[in-house]
Amino acid sequence: MFKLLLFTGLLVGVYYVFFKKKALNPPSSDNSSDEAMIPCAKCGTYVQLKESFMREGKYYCSRECLEA
């Protein structure tokens, strides 16, 4: 009986060491929205969403394009 319990514990330990680590690190899908590239409404240059300027629902690549 002790051998069966020890073998089961060993199998559970191997499972957590080799297979559970992958489940603990979820894929980094949160960064995809930060790195989205959008075109400038004035010149068409693509710029990251977090670095763009927005006015009246349109995105611009720089202050020059925003003010022009």
N, C-alpha and C. Protein backbone atom coordinates (compact mmCIF):
# COMPACT_ATOMS: atom_id res chain seq x y z
N MET A 1 0.82 -1.19 0.00
CA MET A 1 0.00 0.00 0.00
C MET A 1 0.87 1.26 0.00
N PHE A 2 1.94 1.23 0.78
CA PHE A 2 2.83 2.39 0.85
C PHE A 2 3.50 2.65 -0.50
N LYS A 3 3.85 1.58 -1.22
CA LYS A 3 4.48 1.73 -2.53
C LYS A 3 3.53 2.40 -3.52
N LEU A 4 2.25 2.04 -3.48
CA LEU A 4 1.25 2.65 -4.37
C LEU A 4 1.08 4.13 -4.06
N LEU A 5 1.04 4.48 -2.80
CA LEU A 5 0.92 5.88 -2.40
C LEU A 5 2.15 6.68 -2.80
N LEU A 6 3.32 6.10 -2.64
CA LEU A 6 4.56 6.76 -3.04
C LEU A 6 4.64 6.95 -4.55
N PHE A 7 4.21 5.94 -5.30
CA PHE A 7 4.21 6.02 -6.76
C PHE A 7 3.24 7.10 -7.24
N THR A 8 2.06 7.18 -6.62
CA THR A 8 1.08 8.21 -6.99
C THR A 8 1.62 9.60 -6.68
N GLY A 9 2.26 9.75 -5.53
CA GLY A 9 2.87 11.04 -5.18
C GLY A 9 3.97 11.43 -6.15
N LEU A 10 4.74 10.45 -6.59
CA LEU A 10 5.80 10.72 -7.56
C LEU A 10 5.22 11.17 -8.90
N LEU A 11 4.15 10.52 -9.34
CA LEU A 11 3.50 10.91 -10.60
C LEU A 11 2.92 12.32 -10.51
N VAL A 12 2.30 12.66 -9.40
CA VAL A 12 1.76 14.01 -9.21
C VAL A 12 2.89 15.03 -9.20
N GLY A 13 3.98 14.71 -8.54
CA GLY A 13 5.13 15.61 -8.51
C GLY A 13 5.71 15.85 -9.89
N VAL A 14 5.85 14.79 -10.68
CA VAL A 14 6.37 14.92 -12.05
C VAL A 14 5.43 15.77 -12.89
N TYR A 15 4.13 15.58 -12.71
CA TYR A 15 3.15 16.38 -13.47
C TYR A 15 3.31 17.87 -13.16
N TYR A 16 3.40 18.21 -11.89
CA TYR A 16 3.51 19.63 -11.53
C TYR A 16 4.84 20.23 -11.96
N VAL A 17 5.90 19.47 -11.94
CA VAL A 17 7.21 20.00 -12.33
C VAL A 17 7.28 20.25 -13.82
N PHE A 18 6.79 19.31 -14.63
CA PHE A 18 6.98 19.41 -16.08
C PHE A 18 5.81 20.02 -16.84
N PHE A 19 4.59 19.84 -16.36
CA PHE A 19 3.44 20.27 -17.14
C PHE A 19 2.71 21.46 -16.55
N LYS A 20 2.73 21.66 -15.29
CA LYS A 20 1.97 22.74 -14.66
C LYS A 20 2.66 24.09 -14.84
N LYS A 21 3.97 24.13 -15.05
CA LYS A 21 4.67 25.40 -15.24
C LYS A 21 4.16 26.14 -16.47
N LYS A 22 3.82 25.42 -17.51
CA LYS A 22 3.33 26.05 -18.73
C LYS A 22 1.98 26.72 -18.49
N ALA A 23 1.15 26.15 -17.65
CA ALA A 23 -0.17 26.72 -17.37
C ALA A 23 -0.07 27.93 -16.45
N LEU A 24 1.00 28.05 -15.66
CA LEU A 24 1.14 29.18 -14.75
C LEU A 24 1.53 30.46 -15.47
N ASN A 25 2.13 30.37 -16.64
CA ASN A 25 2.54 31.55 -17.41
C ASN A 25 1.57 31.77 -18.56
N PRO A 26 0.53 32.57 -18.37
CA PRO A 26 -0.43 32.78 -19.46
C PRO A 26 0.22 33.57 -20.60
N PRO A 27 -0.26 33.38 -21.80
CA PRO A 27 0.31 34.13 -22.92
C PRO A 27 0.09 35.63 -22.75
N SER A 28 1.04 36.39 -23.19
CA SER A 28 0.97 37.84 -23.01
C SER A 28 0.17 38.48 -24.13
N SER A 29 -1.13 38.35 -24.06
CA SER A 29 -2.01 38.94 -25.07
C SER A 29 -2.35 40.38 -24.72
N ASP A 30 -2.03 40.84 -23.50
CA ASP A 30 -2.32 42.21 -23.10
C ASP A 30 -1.47 43.21 -23.87
N ASN A 31 -0.27 42.82 -24.28
CA ASN A 31 0.63 43.74 -24.96
C ASN A 31 0.21 44.00 -26.41
N SER A 32 -0.62 43.16 -26.97
CA SER A 32 -0.99 43.33 -28.36
C SER A 32 -1.78 44.62 -28.58
N SER A 33 -2.62 45.03 -27.64
CA SER A 33 -3.38 46.26 -27.81
C SER A 33 -2.49 47.49 -27.67
N ASP A 34 -1.43 47.40 -26.83
CA ASP A 34 -0.51 48.52 -26.68
C ASP A 34 0.36 48.72 -27.92
N GLU A 35 0.64 47.66 -28.64
CA GLU A 35 1.52 47.73 -29.78
C GLU A 35 0.76 47.79 -31.11
N ALA A 36 -0.51 48.07 -31.07
CA ALA A 36 -1.29 48.15 -32.29
C ALA A 36 -0.82 49.35 -33.12
N MET A 37 -0.65 49.13 -34.40
CA MET A 37 -0.20 50.19 -35.30
C MET A 37 -1.41 50.74 -36.05
N ILE A 38 -1.52 52.05 -36.07
CA ILE A 38 -2.64 52.70 -36.76
C ILE A 38 -2.08 53.77 -37.69
N PRO A 39 -2.77 54.04 -38.81
CA PRO A 39 -2.28 55.06 -39.74
C PRO A 39 -2.66 56.47 -39.28
N CYS A 40 -1.81 57.42 -39.58
CA CYS A 40 -2.08 58.83 -39.31
C CYS A 40 -3.18 59.30 -40.24
N ALA A 41 -4.11 60.10 -39.75
CA ALA A 41 -5.21 60.58 -40.57
C ALA A 41 -4.74 61.59 -41.62
N LYS A 42 -3.60 62.24 -41.39
CA LYS A 42 -3.11 63.25 -42.33
C LYS A 42 -2.14 62.67 -43.35
N CYS A 43 -1.04 62.03 -42.89
CA CYS A 43 0.02 61.61 -43.81
C CYS A 43 0.03 60.10 -44.07
N GLY A 44 -0.70 59.31 -43.27
CA GLY A 44 -0.77 57.88 -43.52
C GLY A 44 0.35 57.07 -42.90
N THR A 45 1.26 57.71 -42.17
CA THR A 45 2.34 57.00 -41.51
C THR A 45 1.78 56.18 -40.37
N TYR A 46 2.25 54.93 -40.25
CA TYR A 46 1.78 54.08 -39.17
C TYR A 46 2.55 54.39 -37.90
N VAL A 47 1.80 54.47 -36.80
CA VAL A 47 2.37 54.80 -35.50
C VAL A 47 1.69 53.92 -34.45
N GLN A 48 2.41 53.63 -33.35
CA GLN A 48 1.81 52.84 -32.29
C GLN A 48 0.68 53.63 -31.64
N LEU A 49 -0.33 52.91 -31.23
CA LEU A 49 -1.51 53.55 -30.64
C LEU A 49 -1.16 54.34 -29.40
N LYS A 50 -0.25 53.81 -28.56
CA LYS A 50 0.09 54.51 -27.33
C LYS A 50 0.94 55.76 -27.57
N GLU A 51 1.54 55.91 -28.75
CA GLU A 51 2.36 57.08 -29.06
C GLU A 51 1.64 58.08 -29.96
N SER A 52 0.41 57.80 -30.33
CA SER A 52 -0.31 58.67 -31.25
C SER A 52 -1.03 59.79 -30.51
N PHE A 53 -1.46 60.78 -31.28
CA PHE A 53 -2.26 61.90 -30.76
C PHE A 53 -3.65 61.75 -31.35
N MET A 54 -4.68 62.04 -30.55
CA MET A 54 -6.04 61.87 -31.03
C MET A 54 -6.81 63.17 -30.90
N ARG A 55 -7.55 63.48 -31.94
CA ARG A 55 -8.44 64.64 -31.92
C ARG A 55 -9.65 64.31 -32.78
N GLU A 56 -10.83 64.52 -32.22
CA GLU A 56 -12.11 64.31 -32.91
C GLU A 56 -12.22 62.90 -33.48
N GLY A 57 -11.71 61.90 -32.74
CA GLY A 57 -11.83 60.51 -33.16
C GLY A 57 -10.82 60.06 -34.20
N LYS A 58 -9.87 60.93 -34.57
CA LYS A 58 -8.85 60.58 -35.55
C LYS A 58 -7.49 60.55 -34.87
N TYR A 59 -6.62 59.66 -35.33
CA TYR A 59 -5.29 59.51 -34.76
C TYR A 59 -4.25 60.15 -35.67
N TYR A 60 -3.27 60.82 -35.05
CA TYR A 60 -2.21 61.50 -35.77
C TYR A 60 -0.85 61.05 -35.26
N CYS A 61 0.16 61.08 -36.12
CA CYS A 61 1.48 60.56 -35.76
C CYS A 61 2.31 61.60 -34.99
N SER A 62 2.04 62.89 -35.18
CA SER A 62 2.85 63.92 -34.52
C SER A 62 1.99 65.16 -34.29
N ARG A 63 2.55 66.08 -33.55
CA ARG A 63 1.83 67.35 -33.30
C ARG A 63 1.71 68.16 -34.58
N GLU A 64 2.68 68.04 -35.48
CA GLU A 64 2.61 68.78 -36.75
C GLU A 64 1.41 68.34 -37.56
N CYS A 65 1.20 67.02 -37.65
CA CYS A 65 0.04 66.52 -38.39
C CYS A 65 -1.26 66.86 -37.66
N LEU A 66 -1.22 66.87 -36.35
CA LEU A 66 -2.41 67.20 -35.54
C LEU A 66 -2.83 68.64 -35.76
N GLU A 67 -1.88 69.57 -35.79
CA GLU A 67 -2.19 70.99 -35.91
C GLU A 67 -2.44 71.44 -37.33
N ALA A 68 -2.00 70.67 -38.31
CA ALA A 68 -2.15 71.08 -39.72
C ALA A 68 -3.55 70.81 -40.22
